[in-house]
N, C-alpha and C. Protein backbone atom coordinates (compact mmCIF):
# COMPACT_ATOMS: atom_id res chain seq x y z
N GLN A 1 105.49 72.04 101.73
CA GLN A 1 105.82 73.06 102.01
C GLN A 1 104.33 73.90 102.34
N VAL A 2 104.78 74.76 103.07
CA VAL A 2 102.99 75.71 103.91
C VAL A 2 102.96 76.29 102.92
N GLN A 3 101.65 76.51 102.21
CA GLN A 3 100.89 77.50 101.56
C GLN A 3 99.84 77.89 101.66
N LEU A 4 99.53 79.17 101.72
CA LEU A 4 98.75 80.36 101.88
C LEU A 4 97.78 80.88 100.64
N VAL A 5 96.48 80.84 100.97
CA VAL A 5 96.03 81.19 100.04
C VAL A 5 94.68 82.30 100.89
N GLU A 6 94.38 83.62 100.66
CA GLU A 6 93.98 84.91 100.88
C GLU A 6 92.85 85.12 99.87
N SER A 7 91.96 85.27 100.58
CA SER A 7 90.59 85.78 99.66
C SER A 7 90.02 86.96 100.56
N GLY A 8 88.88 87.25 99.66
CA GLY A 8 88.01 89.06 100.09
C GLY A 8 88.46 89.92 99.91
N GLY A 9 89.36 90.12 99.82
CA GLY A 9 89.88 91.93 99.76
C GLY A 9 88.68 92.42 98.48
N GLY A 10 88.93 93.68 98.59
CA GLY A 10 88.08 94.52 97.18
C GLY A 10 88.13 96.08 97.73
N LEU A 11 87.32 96.56 97.19
CA LEU A 11 86.96 97.75 97.24
C LEU A 11 85.48 98.10 98.18
N VAL A 12 85.81 98.82 99.06
CA VAL A 12 84.81 99.12 100.02
C VAL A 12 84.65 100.94 100.70
N GLN A 13 83.43 101.28 100.81
CA GLN A 13 83.46 102.80 100.93
C GLN A 13 84.09 102.90 102.56
N PRO A 14 83.92 104.09 103.31
CA PRO A 14 84.28 104.10 104.30
C PRO A 14 82.82 103.79 105.28
N GLY A 15 82.99 103.23 106.20
CA GLY A 15 82.33 102.78 107.45
C GLY A 15 81.45 101.15 106.70
N GLY A 16 82.17 100.95 105.45
CA GLY A 16 81.39 99.61 105.35
C GLY A 16 82.42 98.38 105.87
N SER A 17 82.25 97.26 105.44
CA SER A 17 82.86 96.20 105.82
C SER A 17 82.97 94.98 105.26
N LEU A 18 84.58 94.00 104.96
CA LEU A 18 84.82 93.35 104.55
C LEU A 18 85.16 91.96 105.14
N LYS A 19 85.41 90.94 105.03
CA LYS A 19 85.49 89.95 105.85
C LYS A 19 86.86 89.21 105.00
N LEU A 20 88.21 88.76 105.14
CA LEU A 20 89.15 88.19 104.66
C LEU A 20 89.47 86.74 105.55
N SER A 21 89.89 86.26 104.29
CA SER A 21 89.75 84.72 104.95
C SER A 21 91.37 84.16 104.51
N CYS A 22 91.85 82.95 105.41
CA CYS A 22 92.87 82.82 105.07
C CYS A 22 93.17 81.30 105.69
N ALA A 23 93.61 80.41 104.40
CA ALA A 23 93.40 79.05 104.13
C ALA A 23 94.95 78.40 104.44
N ALA A 24 95.49 77.76 105.30
CA ALA A 24 97.04 77.13 105.17
C ALA A 24 96.98 76.03 105.20
N SER A 25 97.80 75.21 104.28
CA SER A 25 98.00 74.02 104.21
C SER A 25 99.24 73.47 104.56
N SER A 26 99.45 72.62 105.58
CA SER A 26 101.12 72.35 105.66
C SER A 26 100.63 70.23 105.69
N SER A 27 101.94 70.13 105.94
CA SER A 27 102.34 68.53 105.86
C SER A 27 102.37 67.94 106.80
N ILE A 28 103.30 68.02 107.43
CA ILE A 28 103.31 67.26 108.87
C ILE A 28 103.39 68.45 110.02
N PHE A 29 103.81 69.05 109.91
CA PHE A 29 104.02 69.86 111.32
C PHE A 29 102.73 70.94 111.73
N SER A 30 102.41 71.60 112.72
CA SER A 30 101.47 72.09 112.64
C SER A 30 101.72 73.80 113.13
N ILE A 31 100.34 74.29 112.88
CA ILE A 31 100.82 75.65 112.78
C ILE A 31 100.23 76.21 114.35
N ASP A 32 101.33 76.98 114.59
CA ASP A 32 100.85 77.61 115.80
C ASP A 32 100.11 78.62 116.07
N ALA A 33 100.45 79.92 115.33
CA ALA A 33 99.78 80.95 115.55
C ALA A 33 99.54 81.50 113.41
N MET A 34 98.23 82.22 113.25
CA MET A 34 97.79 82.47 111.97
C MET A 34 97.79 84.02 112.18
N GLY A 35 97.64 84.94 111.32
CA GLY A 35 96.90 86.34 111.29
C GLY A 35 97.39 86.56 109.99
N TRP A 36 97.05 88.44 110.53
CA TRP A 36 97.28 89.15 108.89
C TRP A 36 97.88 90.45 109.58
N TYR A 37 98.96 90.51 108.62
CA TYR A 37 99.73 92.18 108.20
C TYR A 37 99.51 92.88 106.93
N ARG A 38 99.68 94.05 107.04
CA ARG A 38 99.22 94.80 105.58
C ARG A 38 100.39 96.04 105.80
N GLN A 39 100.41 96.08 104.22
CA GLN A 39 101.27 96.88 103.98
C GLN A 39 100.18 98.25 102.80
N ALA A 40 100.91 99.54 103.47
CA ALA A 40 100.74 100.55 102.08
C ALA A 40 101.58 101.12 101.60
N PRO A 41 101.48 101.32 100.47
CA PRO A 41 102.66 101.73 99.30
C PRO A 41 103.65 103.02 100.38
N GLY A 42 104.79 103.02 100.50
CA GLY A 42 105.41 103.79 101.27
C GLY A 42 105.27 103.81 102.68
N LYS A 43 104.78 103.17 103.02
CA LYS A 43 105.00 102.33 104.57
C LYS A 43 105.00 100.96 105.20
N GLN A 44 106.01 100.93 106.13
CA GLN A 44 106.04 99.49 106.50
C GLN A 44 105.32 98.57 106.95
N ARG A 45 105.57 97.14 106.73
CA ARG A 45 104.19 96.20 106.43
C ARG A 45 104.12 96.11 108.32
N GLU A 46 103.41 96.10 108.69
CA GLU A 46 102.40 96.55 109.93
C GLU A 46 101.44 94.94 110.66
N LEU A 47 101.56 94.63 111.76
CA LEU A 47 100.96 93.87 112.30
C LEU A 47 99.07 93.89 112.68
N VAL A 48 98.45 93.60 112.03
CA VAL A 48 97.04 93.52 112.00
C VAL A 48 96.29 93.11 113.04
N ALA A 49 96.46 91.92 113.06
CA ALA A 49 95.59 91.15 114.34
C ALA A 49 96.63 89.41 114.30
N MET A 50 96.65 88.93 115.23
CA MET A 50 96.89 87.56 115.12
C MET A 50 96.78 86.94 116.37
N THR A 51 96.19 85.36 116.02
CA THR A 51 96.03 84.28 117.03
C THR A 51 96.26 83.26 116.82
N THR A 52 96.88 82.49 118.04
CA THR A 52 96.89 81.48 118.41
C THR A 52 96.42 80.02 118.46
N LEU A 53 97.25 78.68 118.27
CA LEU A 53 96.81 78.00 118.44
C LEU A 53 96.07 78.17 120.35
N ARG A 54 96.70 78.51 121.04
CA ARG A 54 96.41 78.74 122.65
C ARG A 54 94.95 79.84 122.50
N GLY A 55 94.71 80.47 121.77
CA GLY A 55 93.31 81.45 121.85
C GLY A 55 93.50 82.76 121.81
N THR A 56 95.00 82.90 122.13
CA THR A 56 94.99 84.16 122.39
C THR A 56 94.85 85.07 121.23
N THR A 57 94.85 86.26 121.25
CA THR A 57 94.67 87.20 120.38
C THR A 57 95.83 88.61 120.71
N ASN A 58 96.05 89.24 119.25
CA ASN A 58 96.49 90.72 119.60
C ASN A 58 96.33 91.59 118.41
N TYR A 59 96.17 92.65 118.56
CA TYR A 59 95.57 93.47 117.46
C TYR A 59 96.64 94.69 117.63
N ALA A 60 96.25 95.64 116.53
CA ALA A 60 96.99 96.44 116.27
C ALA A 60 96.18 97.84 117.13
N ASP A 61 96.72 98.51 117.67
CA ASP A 61 96.08 99.84 118.32
C ASP A 61 94.73 100.03 117.56
N SER A 62 95.27 100.61 115.96
CA SER A 62 94.59 101.54 115.38
C SER A 62 93.45 100.48 114.48
N VAL A 63 93.39 99.12 114.98
CA VAL A 63 92.10 98.43 114.65
C VAL A 63 91.12 97.43 115.71
N LYS A 64 91.63 97.88 116.94
CA LYS A 64 91.09 97.34 117.98
C LYS A 64 89.38 98.33 118.06
N GLY A 65 88.60 97.09 118.43
CA GLY A 65 87.39 97.49 118.19
C GLY A 65 86.80 97.40 117.06
N ARG A 66 87.41 97.51 115.85
CA ARG A 66 86.81 97.33 114.73
C ARG A 66 86.96 96.07 113.79
N PHE A 67 88.26 95.07 114.21
CA PHE A 67 88.53 94.44 113.60
C PHE A 67 88.51 93.03 114.29
N THR A 68 87.71 91.50 114.16
CA THR A 68 88.33 90.68 114.85
C THR A 68 88.63 89.33 114.28
N ILE A 69 89.51 89.14 114.87
CA ILE A 69 90.25 87.89 114.08
C ILE A 69 89.70 86.46 114.63
N SER A 70 89.49 85.77 114.10
CA SER A 70 88.79 84.16 114.16
C SER A 70 89.50 83.05 113.50
N ARG A 71 89.66 82.21 114.40
CA ARG A 71 90.06 80.79 113.69
C ARG A 71 88.81 79.78 113.59
N ALA A 72 88.59 79.26 111.81
CA ALA A 72 87.24 78.80 111.71
C ALA A 72 88.20 77.26 112.15
N SER A 73 87.24 76.48 112.57
CA SER A 73 87.03 74.71 113.06
C SER A 73 87.69 73.86 111.86
N ALA A 74 88.53 72.95 112.48
CA ALA A 74 89.03 71.72 111.96
C ALA A 74 90.14 71.93 110.45
N VAL A 75 89.98 72.88 110.11
CA VAL A 75 91.11 73.34 109.52
C VAL A 75 91.89 74.62 110.04
N ASN A 76 92.89 74.73 109.45
CA ASN A 76 93.85 75.74 109.13
C ASN A 76 93.62 77.55 108.58
N THR A 77 92.66 77.77 108.83
CA THR A 77 91.91 78.95 108.07
C THR A 77 91.45 80.27 109.34
N VAL A 78 91.91 81.04 109.12
CA VAL A 78 91.77 82.43 110.23
C VAL A 78 91.36 83.15 109.24
N LEU A 79 90.04 83.91 109.97
CA LEU A 79 88.98 85.03 109.20
C LEU A 79 89.32 86.36 110.13
N LEU A 80 89.23 87.28 109.43
CA LEU A 80 89.58 88.77 110.00
C LEU A 80 88.55 89.58 109.36
N GLN A 81 87.34 89.84 110.56
CA GLN A 81 86.11 90.37 110.28
C GLN A 81 86.26 91.85 109.86
N MET A 82 86.38 92.62 109.17
CA MET A 82 86.71 94.46 109.15
C MET A 82 85.15 95.14 108.99
N ASN A 83 85.25 95.98 110.36
CA ASN A 83 84.10 96.98 110.43
C ASN A 83 84.40 98.17 110.55
N SER A 84 83.34 98.96 110.11
CA SER A 84 84.00 100.16 110.62
C SER A 84 84.89 100.80 110.11
N LEU A 85 85.26 100.25 108.09
CA LEU A 85 86.40 100.63 107.55
C LEU A 85 86.88 102.09 107.41
N LYS A 86 88.27 102.36 107.68
CA LYS A 86 88.22 103.82 107.38
C LYS A 86 89.33 103.74 106.12
N PRO A 87 89.37 104.73 105.56
CA PRO A 87 90.12 105.15 104.32
C PRO A 87 91.68 104.88 104.34
N GLU A 88 92.50 104.99 105.77
CA GLU A 88 93.81 104.70 106.35
C GLU A 88 93.83 102.99 106.28
N ASP A 89 93.08 102.15 106.15
CA ASP A 89 92.91 100.64 106.37
C ASP A 89 93.33 100.15 105.16
N THR A 90 93.48 101.12 103.32
CA THR A 90 93.77 100.93 102.67
C THR A 90 95.14 100.25 102.56
N ALA A 91 95.43 99.17 102.18
CA ALA A 91 96.57 98.30 102.02
C ALA A 91 96.48 97.16 101.75
N VAL A 92 97.66 96.40 101.71
CA VAL A 92 97.82 95.09 100.81
C VAL A 92 97.75 93.83 102.06
N TYR A 93 96.32 93.18 102.22
CA TYR A 93 96.71 92.68 103.49
C TYR A 93 96.98 91.25 103.12
N TYR A 94 98.21 90.84 104.43
CA TYR A 94 98.64 89.13 103.72
C TYR A 94 98.94 88.61 105.08
N CYS A 95 98.60 87.21 104.45
CA CYS A 95 97.59 86.68 105.68
C CYS A 95 99.80 86.02 105.98
N LYS A 96 99.75 85.64 107.28
CA LYS A 96 101.01 84.62 107.98
C LYS A 96 100.47 83.75 108.24
N ALA A 97 101.13 82.38 108.18
CA ALA A 97 101.39 81.42 109.15
C ALA A 97 102.68 81.17 110.17
N VAL A 98 102.63 81.22 111.13
CA VAL A 98 103.58 80.87 112.22
C VAL A 98 103.45 79.62 112.67
N SER A 99 104.92 78.60 112.31
CA SER A 99 105.05 76.95 112.96
C SER A 99 106.67 77.48 113.78
N TYR A 100 106.55 77.00 115.11
CA TYR A 100 107.07 77.25 116.10
C TYR A 100 108.52 76.87 115.81
N ALA A 101 108.16 75.88 115.33
CA ALA A 101 109.36 74.89 114.78
C ALA A 101 109.73 74.69 113.19
N ARG A 102 109.29 75.58 112.26
CA ARG A 102 109.58 76.11 111.06
C ARG A 102 110.22 77.33 110.75
N GLY A 103 109.35 78.38 111.09
CA GLY A 103 109.48 79.23 111.53
C GLY A 103 108.02 79.99 110.37
N ALA A 104 108.41 81.27 109.86
CA ALA A 104 106.88 82.20 109.58
C ALA A 104 106.61 81.74 107.96
N TYR A 105 105.63 81.84 107.31
CA TYR A 105 105.35 82.07 105.98
C TYR A 105 104.22 83.05 105.69
N TRP A 106 104.16 83.24 104.76
CA TRP A 106 103.72 84.29 104.13
C TRP A 106 102.52 84.28 102.78
N GLY A 107 101.36 84.67 102.41
CA GLY A 107 100.75 84.41 101.65
C GLY A 107 101.18 85.75 100.42
N LYS A 108 100.35 85.69 99.54
CA LYS A 108 100.89 86.65 98.49
C LYS A 108 100.13 88.03 98.71
N GLY A 109 99.07 88.27 99.33
CA GLY A 109 98.32 89.52 99.55
C GLY A 109 97.05 89.50 99.02
N THR A 110 96.38 90.12 99.56
CA THR A 110 94.87 90.53 98.99
C THR A 110 94.38 92.14 99.37
N PRO A 111 94.24 92.77 98.08
CA PRO A 111 94.60 94.07 98.62
C PRO A 111 92.90 94.40 99.17
N VAL A 112 93.08 95.22 99.86
CA VAL A 112 92.07 95.89 100.53
C VAL A 112 91.85 97.82 99.79
N THR A 113 90.82 98.13 99.67
CA THR A 113 90.52 99.69 98.99
C THR A 113 89.90 100.50 99.76
N VAL A 114 89.96 101.19 100.89
CA VAL A 114 88.76 101.96 101.25
C VAL A 114 88.61 103.15 100.88
N SER A 115 87.42 103.83 99.50
CA SER A 115 87.45 104.90 99.47
C SER A 115 87.34 105.85 100.02
N SER A 116 87.81 107.63 99.54
CA SER A 116 87.70 108.48 100.59
C SER A 116 87.18 109.45 99.76
């Protein structure tokens, strides 16, 4: 089964930076896409950024120009560099891994708090 381990969340001041990391492990099937969603209290879970095996990326409008998603080499690890953080970025960030053959898998989430 797919397991995802997230790290890098924490408390940061507005304008600061954080880097999130997610490592996905799978047995015999490939991971086709990985990325991040986030959910704040009272809000729906929303897309932050995704990247595919082909290298395509997709960002939420609210984070374009501030966040960068990248995929580490050799392992199923995705990074999210978050710069110029705003209070509205405060949320629990969930790693998502997608296998087109098997479906989607979610991490347990890592909290990001931007003080205001």
